[in-house]
Amino acid sequence: MATNHTLYAHWTEKFMVKWMDFDSNTVVRTDYPLRGSGVTPPTAPLHTGWTFQKWEGIDGFTNITQDRTYFAKYESKVPFEFWN
């Protein structure tokens, strides 16, 4: 005797989180977290003459509910002089 079965679809929503270097052309890493979860920033890229400060982006690294892009922020180790 044949029986009826009910099947239910189950999916998890993932988002794309890109970590960009200061030139905005180099992707350091891409993560695909589940909705509501968090991400851990990658190791800071190293550049001669620059000190890594932080990853800049929206809303921090927790409770991911949309695609996000973070950018590496640096400070120059060499002081700038401005001439008038």
PDB file of N, CA and C in Angstrom:
ATOM      1  N   MET A   1       0.835  -1.171   0.000  1.00  0.00           N
ATOM      2  CA  MET A   1       0.000   0.000   0.000  1.00  0.00           C
ATOM      3  C   MET A   1       0.889   1.246   0.000  1.00  0.00           C
ATOM      4  N   ALA A   2       0.599   2.157  -0.847  1.00  0.00           N
ATOM      5  CA  ALA A   2       1.372   3.399  -0.963  1.00  0.00           C
ATOM      6  C   ALA A   2       0.949   4.377   0.136  1.00  0.00           C
ATOM      7  N   THR A   3       1.926   5.145   0.626  1.00  0.00           N
ATOM      8  CA  THR A   3       1.622   6.163   1.639  1.00  0.00           C
ATOM      9  C   THR A   3       2.039   7.528   1.120  1.00  0.00           C
ATOM     10  N   ASN A   4       1.358   8.523   1.594  1.00  0.00           N
ATOM     11  CA  ASN A   4       1.698   9.896   1.215  1.00  0.00           C
ATOM     12  C   ASN A   4       2.724  10.459   2.189  1.00  0.00           C
ATOM     13  N   HIS A   5       3.656  11.245   1.664  1.00  0.00           N
ATOM     14  CA  HIS A   5       4.668  11.900   2.482  1.00  0.00           C
ATOM     15  C   HIS A   5       4.654  13.389   2.175  1.00  0.00           C
ATOM     16  N   THR A   6       4.806  14.168   3.199  1.00  0.00           N
ATOM     17  CA  THR A   6       4.905  15.614   3.026  1.00  0.00           C
ATOM     18  C   THR A   6       6.363  16.016   3.206  1.00  0.00           C
ATOM     19  N   LEU A   7       6.911  16.697   2.231  1.00  0.00           N
ATOM     20  CA  LEU A   7       8.292  17.165   2.291  1.00  0.00           C
ATOM     21  C   LEU A   7       8.297  18.675   2.465  1.00  0.00           C
ATOM     22  N   TYR A   8       9.194  19.161   3.278  1.00  0.00           N
ATOM     23  CA  TYR A   8       9.316  20.596   3.515  1.00  0.00           C
ATOM     24  C   TYR A   8      10.715  21.055   3.094  1.00  0.00           C
ATOM     25  N   ALA A   9      10.758  22.187   2.421  1.00  0.00           N
ATOM     26  CA  ALA A   9      12.048  22.767   2.047  1.00  0.00           C
ATOM     27  C   ALA A   9      12.616  23.516   3.245  1.00  0.00           C
ATOM     28  N   HIS A  10      13.904  23.406   3.434  1.00  0.00           N
ATOM     29  CA  HIS A  10      14.583  24.135   4.510  1.00  0.00           C
ATOM     30  C   HIS A  10      15.864  24.708   3.918  1.00  0.00           C
ATOM     31  N   TRP A  11      16.042  26.010   4.077  1.00  0.00           N
ATOM     32  CA  TRP A  11      17.259  26.632   3.581  1.00  0.00           C
ATOM     33  C   TRP A  11      17.755  27.634   4.609  1.00  0.00           C
ATOM     34  N   THR A  12      19.003  27.958   4.486  1.00  0.00           N
ATOM     35  CA  THR A  12      19.585  28.978   5.351  1.00  0.00           C
ATOM     36  C   THR A  12      20.065  30.119   4.465  1.00  0.00           C
ATOM     37  N   GLU A  13      19.784  31.316   4.913  1.00  0.00           N
ATOM     38  CA  GLU A  13      20.151  32.498   4.145  1.00  0.00           C
ATOM     39  C   GLU A  13      21.584  32.895   4.488  1.00  0.00           C
ATOM     40  N   LYS A  14      22.412  33.027   3.467  1.00  0.00           N
ATOM     41  CA  LYS A  14      23.800  33.443   3.644  1.00  0.00           C
ATOM     42  C   LYS A  14      24.000  34.799   2.986  1.00  0.00           C
ATOM     43  N   PHE A  15      24.969  35.531   3.497  1.00  0.00           N
ATOM     44  CA  PHE A  15      25.314  36.834   2.943  1.00  0.00           C
ATOM     45  C   PHE A  15      26.789  36.851   2.571  1.00  0.00           C
ATOM     46  N   MET A  16      27.156  37.789   1.728  1.00  0.00           N
ATOM     47  CA  MET A  16      28.550  37.922   1.317  1.00  0.00           C
ATOM     48  C   MET A  16      29.181  39.093   2.066  1.00  0.00           C
ATOM     49  N   VAL A  17      30.309  38.809   2.723  1.00  0.00           N
ATOM     50  CA  VAL A  17      31.069  39.841   3.417  1.00  0.00           C
ATOM     51  C   VAL A  17      32.452  39.888   2.766  1.00  0.00           C
ATOM     52  N   LYS A  18      32.771  41.056   2.159  1.00  0.00           N
ATOM     53  CA  LYS A  18      34.066  41.217   1.493  1.00  0.00           C
ATOM     54  C   LYS A  18      34.963  42.104   2.344  1.00  0.00           C
ATOM     55  N   TRP A  19      36.231  41.729   2.419  1.00  0.00           N
ATOM     56  CA  TRP A  19      37.258  42.479   3.130  1.00  0.00           C
ATOM     57  C   TRP A  19      38.203  43.038   2.077  1.00  0.00           C
ATOM     58  N   MET A  20      38.188  44.362   1.904  1.00  0.00           N
ATOM     59  CA  MET A  20      38.953  45.009   0.839  1.00  0.00           C
ATOM     60  C   MET A  20      40.178  45.724   1.411  1.00  0.00           C
ATOM     61  N   ASP A  21      41.275  45.669   0.664  1.00  0.00           N
ATOM     62  CA  ASP A  21      42.460  46.422   1.057  1.00  0.00           C
ATOM     63  C   ASP A  21      42.235  47.894   0.719  1.00  0.00           C
ATOM     64  N   PHE A  22      43.143  48.752   1.132  1.00  0.00           N
ATOM     65  CA  PHE A  22      42.949  50.198   1.003  1.00  0.00           C
ATOM     66  C   PHE A  22      42.785  50.673  -0.437  1.00  0.00           C
ATOM     67  N   ASP A  23      43.293  49.932  -1.394  1.00  0.00           N
ATOM     68  CA  ASP A  23      43.178  50.357  -2.792  1.00  0.00           C
ATOM     69  C   ASP A  23      41.799  50.072  -3.384  1.00  0.00           C
ATOM     70  N   SER A  24      40.949  49.391  -2.634  1.00  0.00           N
ATOM     71  CA  SER A  24      39.573  49.036  -3.040  1.00  0.00           C
ATOM     72  C   SER A  24      39.512  48.131  -4.261  1.00  0.00           C
ATOM     73  N   ASN A  25      40.650  47.614  -4.692  1.00  0.00           N
ATOM     74  CA  ASN A  25      40.673  46.682  -5.817  1.00  0.00           C
ATOM     75  C   ASN A  25      41.108  45.289  -5.396  1.00  0.00           C
ATOM     76  N   THR A  26      41.674  45.173  -4.212  1.00  0.00           N
ATOM     77  CA  THR A  26      42.200  43.894  -3.748  1.00  0.00           C
ATOM     78  C   THR A  26      41.286  43.320  -2.670  1.00  0.00           C
ATOM     79  N   VAL A  27      40.715  42.161  -2.962  1.00  0.00           N
ATOM     80  CA  VAL A  27      39.882  41.481  -1.975  1.00  0.00           C
ATOM     81  C   VAL A  27      40.816  40.648  -1.096  1.00  0.00           C
ATOM     82  N   VAL A  28      40.831  40.951   0.196  1.00  0.00           N
ATOM     83  CA  VAL A  28      41.672  40.222   1.138  1.00  0.00           C
ATOM     84  C   VAL A  28      41.054  38.866   1.445  1.00  0.00           C
ATOM     85  N   ARG A  29      39.732  38.853   1.631  1.00  0.00           N
ATOM     86  CA  ARG A  29      39.010  37.613   1.928  1.00  0.00           C
ATOM     87  C   ARG A  29      37.527  37.843   1.697  1.00  0.00           C
ATOM     88  N   THR A  30      36.807  36.783   1.416  1.00  0.00           N
ATOM     89  CA  THR A  30      35.350  36.833   1.301  1.00  0.00           C
ATOM     90  C   THR A  30      34.772  35.767   2.219  1.00  0.00           C
ATOM     91  N   ASP A  31      33.791  36.170   3.030  1.00  0.00           N
ATOM     92  CA  ASP A  31      33.110  35.239   3.932  1.00  0.00           C
ATOM     93  C   ASP A  31      31.645  35.146   3.527  1.00  0.00           C
ATOM     94  N   TYR A  32      31.016  34.033   3.905  1.00  0.00           N
ATOM     95  CA  TYR A  32      29.598  33.809   3.620  1.00  0.00           C
ATOM     96  C   TYR A  32      28.882  33.375   4.899  1.00  0.00           C
ATOM     97  N   PRO A  33      28.669  34.311   5.828  1.00  0.00           N
ATOM     98  CA  PRO A  33      28.025  33.953   7.097  1.00  0.00           C
ATOM     99  C   PRO A  33      26.519  33.747   6.947  1.00  0.00           C
ATOM    100  N   LEU A  34      25.962  32.977   7.863  1.00  0.00           N
ATOM    101  CA  LEU A  34      24.517  32.778   7.913  1.00  0.00           C
ATOM    102  C   LEU A  34      23.861  34.011   8.522  1.00  0.00           C
ATOM    103  N   ARG A  35      22.596  34.216   8.195  1.00  0.00           N
ATOM    104  CA  ARG A  35      21.839  35.360   8.746  1.00  0.00           C
ATOM    105  C   ARG A  35      21.943  35.362  10.267  1.00  0.00           C
ATOM    106  N   GLY A  36      22.271  36.544  10.810  1.00  0.00           N
ATOM    107  CA  GLY A  36      22.323  36.732  12.251  1.00  0.00           C
ATOM    108  C   GLY A  36      23.624  36.331  12.914  1.00  0.00           C
ATOM    109  N   SER A  37      24.504  35.699  12.171  1.00  0.00           N
ATOM    110  CA  SER A  37      25.774  35.306  12.783  1.00  0.00           C
ATOM    111  C   SER A  37      26.803  36.424  12.611  1.00  0.00           C
ATOM    112  N   GLY A  38      28.005  36.180  13.078  1.00  0.00           N
ATOM    113  CA  GLY A  38      29.057  37.188  12.992  1.00  0.00           C
ATOM    114  C   GLY A  38      30.222  36.706  12.151  1.00  0.00           C
ATOM    115  N   VAL A  39      31.177  37.606  11.936  1.00  0.00           N
ATOM    116  CA  VAL A  39      32.398  37.286  11.200  1.00  0.00           C
ATOM    117  C   VAL A  39      33.600  37.740  12.016  1.00  0.00           C
ATOM    118  N   THR A  40      34.715  37.099  11.775  1.00  0.00           N
ATOM    119  CA  THR A  40      35.974  37.475  12.406  1.00  0.00           C
ATOM    120  C   THR A  40      36.843  38.136  11.347  1.00  0.00           C
ATOM    121  N   PRO A  41      37.325  39.337  11.613  1.00  0.00           N
ATOM    122  CA  PRO A  41      38.154  40.029  10.617  1.00  0.00           C
ATOM    123  C   PRO A  41      39.412  39.237  10.281  1.00  0.00           C
ATOM    124  N   PRO A  42      39.873  39.346   9.036  1.00  0.00           N
ATOM    125  CA  PRO A  42      41.111  38.668   8.659  1.00  0.00           C
ATOM    126  C   PRO A  42      42.328  39.385   9.242  1.00  0.00           C
ATOM    127  N   THR A  43      43.457  38.741   9.144  1.00  0.00           N
ATOM    128  CA  THR A  43      44.712  39.370   9.541  1.00  0.00           C
ATOM    129  C   THR A  43      44.924  40.597   8.671  1.00  0.00           C
ATOM    130  N   ALA A  44      45.351  41.665   9.283  1.00  0.00           N
ATOM    131  CA  ALA A  44      45.536  42.930   8.553  1.00  0.00           C
ATOM    132  C   ALA A  44      46.627  42.794   7.503  1.00  0.00           C
ATOM    133  N   PRO A  45      46.374  43.293   6.298  1.00  0.00           N
ATOM    134  CA  PRO A  45      47.411  43.309   5.274  1.00  0.00           C
ATOM    135  C   PRO A  45      48.537  44.261   5.688  1.00  0.00           C
ATOM    136  N   LEU A  46      49.747  43.925   5.336  1.00  0.00           N
ATOM    137  CA  LEU A  46      50.896  44.768   5.677  1.00  0.00           C
ATOM    138  C   LEU A  46      51.353  45.564   4.466  1.00  0.00           C
ATOM    139  N   HIS A  47      51.662  46.845   4.702  1.00  0.00           N
ATOM    140  CA  HIS A  47      52.172  47.715   3.650  1.00  0.00           C
ATOM    141  C   HIS A  47      53.299  48.559   4.224  1.00  0.00           C
ATOM    142  N   THR A  48      54.428  48.556   3.552  1.00  0.00           N
ATOM    143  CA  THR A  48      55.580  49.334   3.994  1.00  0.00           C
ATOM    144  C   THR A  48      55.213  50.811   4.076  1.00  0.00           C
ATOM    145  N   GLY A  49      55.555  51.430   5.205  1.00  0.00           N
ATOM    146  CA  GLY A  49      55.288  52.852   5.384  1.00  0.00           C
ATOM    147  C   GLY A  49      53.909  53.159   5.943  1.00  0.00           C
ATOM    148  N   TRP A  50      53.117  52.122   6.214  1.00  0.00           N
ATOM    149  CA  TRP A  50      51.752  52.329   6.708  1.00  0.00           C
ATOM    150  C   TRP A  50      51.491  51.438   7.913  1.00  0.00           C
ATOM    151  N   THR A  51      50.677  51.942   8.850  1.00  0.00           N
ATOM    152  CA  THR A  51      50.264  51.180  10.025  1.00  0.00           C
ATOM    153  C   THR A  51      48.771  50.907   9.913  1.00  0.00           C
ATOM    154  N   PHE A  52      48.410  49.631   9.984  1.00  0.00           N
ATOM    155  CA  PHE A  52      46.989  49.268   9.936  1.00  0.00           C
ATOM    156  C   PHE A  52      46.299  49.823  11.170  1.00  0.00           C
ATOM    157  N   GLN A  53      45.113  50.456  10.982  1.00  0.00           N
ATOM    158  CA  GLN A  53      44.347  51.027  12.087  1.00  0.00           C
ATOM    159  C   GLN A  53      43.144  50.153  12.453  1.00  0.00           C
ATOM    160  N   LYS A  54      42.313  49.840  11.454  1.00  0.00           N
ATOM    161  CA  LYS A  54      41.101  49.064  11.727  1.00  0.00           C
ATOM    162  C   LYS A  54      40.417  48.695  10.417  1.00  0.00           C
ATOM    163  N   TRP A  55      39.416  47.842  10.536  1.00  0.00           N
ATOM    164  CA  TRP A  55      38.528  47.536   9.426  1.00  0.00           C
ATOM    165  C   TRP A  55      37.325  48.460   9.549  1.00  0.00           C
ATOM    166  N   GLU A  56      37.021  49.212   8.488  1.00  0.00           N
ATOM    167  CA  GLU A  56      35.877  50.127   8.490  1.00  0.00           C
ATOM    168  C   GLU A  56      34.734  49.537   7.687  1.00  0.00           C
ATOM    169  N   GLY A  57      33.540  49.642   8.239  1.00  0.00           N
ATOM    170  CA  GLY A  57      32.349  49.173   7.553  1.00  0.00           C
ATOM    171  C   GLY A  57      31.138  49.488   8.405  1.00  0.00           C
ATOM    172  N   ILE A  58      29.992  48.999   7.976  1.00  0.00           N
ATOM    173  CA  ILE A  58      28.765  49.293   8.700  1.00  0.00           C
ATOM    174  C   ILE A  58      28.519  48.273   9.808  1.00  0.00           C
ATOM    175  N   ASP A  59      27.990  48.731  10.911  1.00  0.00           N
ATOM    176  CA  ASP A  59      27.388  47.885  11.955  1.00  0.00           C
ATOM    177  C   ASP A  59      28.290  46.853  12.625  1.00  0.00           C
ATOM    178  N   GLY A  60      29.581  46.992  12.588  1.00  0.00           N
ATOM    179  CA  GLY A  60      30.429  46.025  13.288  1.00  0.00           C
ATOM    180  C   GLY A  60      30.452  44.668  12.613  1.00  0.00           C
ATOM    181  N   PHE A  61      30.829  43.649  13.383  1.00  0.00           N
ATOM    182  CA  PHE A  61      31.063  42.320  12.813  1.00  0.00           C
ATOM    183  C   PHE A  61      30.061  41.265  13.268  1.00  0.00           C
ATOM    184  N   THR A  62      28.983  41.694  13.932  1.00  0.00           N
ATOM    185  CA  THR A  62      28.008  40.723  14.439  1.00  0.00           C
ATOM    186  C   THR A  62      26.632  40.954  13.818  1.00  0.00           C
ATOM    187  N   ASN A  63      25.765  39.982  13.990  1.00  0.00           N
ATOM    188  CA  ASN A  63      24.385  40.050  13.511  1.00  0.00           C
ATOM    189  C   ASN A  63      24.301  40.469  12.033  1.00  0.00           C
ATOM    190  N   ILE A  64      24.925  39.695  11.177  1.00  0.00           N
ATOM    191  CA  ILE A  64      24.941  39.973   9.741  1.00  0.00           C
ATOM    192  C   ILE A  64      23.557  39.690   9.161  1.00  0.00           C
ATOM    193  N   THR A  65      22.936  40.718   8.570  1.00  0.00           N
ATOM    194  CA  THR A  65      21.610  40.557   7.970  1.00  0.00           C
ATOM    195  C   THR A  65      21.561  41.103   6.544  1.00  0.00           C
ATOM    196  N   GLN A  66      22.722  41.431   5.997  1.00  0.00           N
ATOM    197  CA  GLN A  66      22.809  41.908   4.611  1.00  0.00           C
ATOM    198  C   GLN A  66      24.254  41.757   4.149  1.00  0.00           C
ATOM    199  N   ASP A  67      24.476  41.865   2.849  1.00  0.00           N
ATOM    200  CA  ASP A  67      25.840  41.851   2.329  1.00  0.00           C
ATOM    201  C   ASP A  67      26.588  43.057   2.875  1.00  0.00           C
ATOM    202  N   ARG A  68      27.874  42.873   3.160  1.00  0.00           N
ATOM    203  CA  ARG A  68      28.682  43.967   3.712  1.00  0.00           C
ATOM    204  C   ARG A  68      30.053  43.982   3.065  1.00  0.00           C
ATOM    205  N   THR A  69      30.652  45.159   3.063  1.00  0.00           N
ATOM    206  CA  THR A  69      32.033  45.320   2.603  1.00  0.00           C
ATOM    207  C   THR A  69      32.774  46.133   3.656  1.00  0.00           C
ATOM    208  N   TYR A  70      33.924  45.623   4.066  1.00  0.00           N
ATOM    209  CA  TYR A  70      34.784  46.318   5.019  1.00  0.00           C
ATOM    210  C   TYR A  70      36.066  46.729   4.306  1.00  0.00           C
ATOM    211  N   PHE A  71      36.590  47.882   4.685  1.00  0.00           N
ATOM    212  CA  PHE A  71      37.807  48.412   4.063  1.00  0.00           C
ATOM    213  C   PHE A  71      38.901  48.578   5.109  1.00  0.00           C
ATOM    214  N   ALA A  72      40.115  48.205   4.746  1.00  0.00           N
ATOM    215  CA  ALA A  72      41.258  48.380   5.636  1.00  0.00           C
ATOM    216  C   ALA A  72      41.598  49.867   5.720  1.00  0.00           C
ATOM    217  N   LYS A  73      41.766  50.368   6.935  1.00  0.00           N
ATOM    218  CA  LYS A  73      42.129  51.769   7.132  1.00  0.00           C
ATOM    219  C   LYS A  73      43.551  51.803   7.703  1.00  0.00           C
ATOM    220  N   TYR A  74      44.391  52.648   7.113  1.00  0.00           N
ATOM    221  CA  TYR A  74      45.793  52.756   7.509  1.00  0.00           C
ATOM    222  C   TYR A  74      46.137  54.184   7.879  1.00  0.00           C
ATOM    223  N   GLU A  75      47.248  54.313   8.598  1.00  0.00           N
ATOM    224  CA  GLU A  75      47.816  55.623   8.901  1.00  0.00           C
ATOM    225  C   GLU A  75      49.256  55.606   8.404  1.00  0.00           C
ATOM    226  N   SER A  76      49.671  56.693   7.797  1.00  0.00           N
ATOM    227  CA  SER A  76      51.030  56.788   7.275  1.00  0.00           C
ATOM    228  C   SER A  76      52.033  56.847   8.418  1.00  0.00           C
ATOM    229  N   LYS A  77      53.133  56.109   8.280  1.00  0.00           N
ATOM    230  CA  LYS A  77      54.217  56.175   9.258  1.00  0.00           C
ATOM    231  C   LYS A  77      55.106  57.384   8.999  1.00  0.00           C
ATOM    232  N   VAL A  78      54.999  57.941   7.810  1.00  0.00           N
ATOM    233  CA  VAL A  78      55.815  59.087   7.423  1.00  0.00           C
ATOM    234  C   VAL A  78      54.959  60.349   7.531  1.00  0.00           C
ATOM    235  N   PRO A  79      55.392  61.336   8.302  1.00  0.00           N
ATOM    236  CA  PRO A  79      54.593  62.568   8.408  1.00  0.00           C
ATOM    237  C   PRO A  79      54.559  63.307   7.066  1.00  0.00           C
ATOM    238  N   PHE A  80      53.412  63.877   6.800  1.00  0.00           N
ATOM    239  CA  PHE A  80      53.250  64.645   5.574  1.00  0.00           C
ATOM    240  C   PHE A  80      53.580  66.112   5.855  1.00  0.00           C
ATOM    241  N   GLU A  81      54.208  66.746   4.895  1.00  0.00           N
ATOM    242  CA  GLU A  81      54.459  68.189   4.984  1.00  0.00           C
ATOM    243  C   GLU A  81      53.692  68.866   3.874  1.00  0.00           C
ATOM    244  N   PHE A  82      53.023  69.935   4.210  1.00  0.00           N
ATOM    245  CA  PHE A  82      52.259  70.686   3.234  1.00  0.00           C
ATOM    246  C   PHE A  82      52.971  71.995   2.951  1.00  0.00           C
ATOM    247  N   TRP A  83      53.141  72.299   1.705  1.00  0.00           N
ATOM    248  CA  TRP A  83      53.807  73.532   1.287  1.00  0.00           C
ATOM    249  C   TRP A  83      52.795  74.474   0.716  1.00  0.00           C
ATOM    250  N   ASN A  84      52.894  75.716   1.102  1.00  0.00           N
ATOM    251  CA  ASN A  84      51.988  76.746   0.568  1.00  0.00           C
ATOM    252  C   ASN A  84      52.664  77.492  -0.551  1.00  0.00           C
TER     253      ASN A  84
END
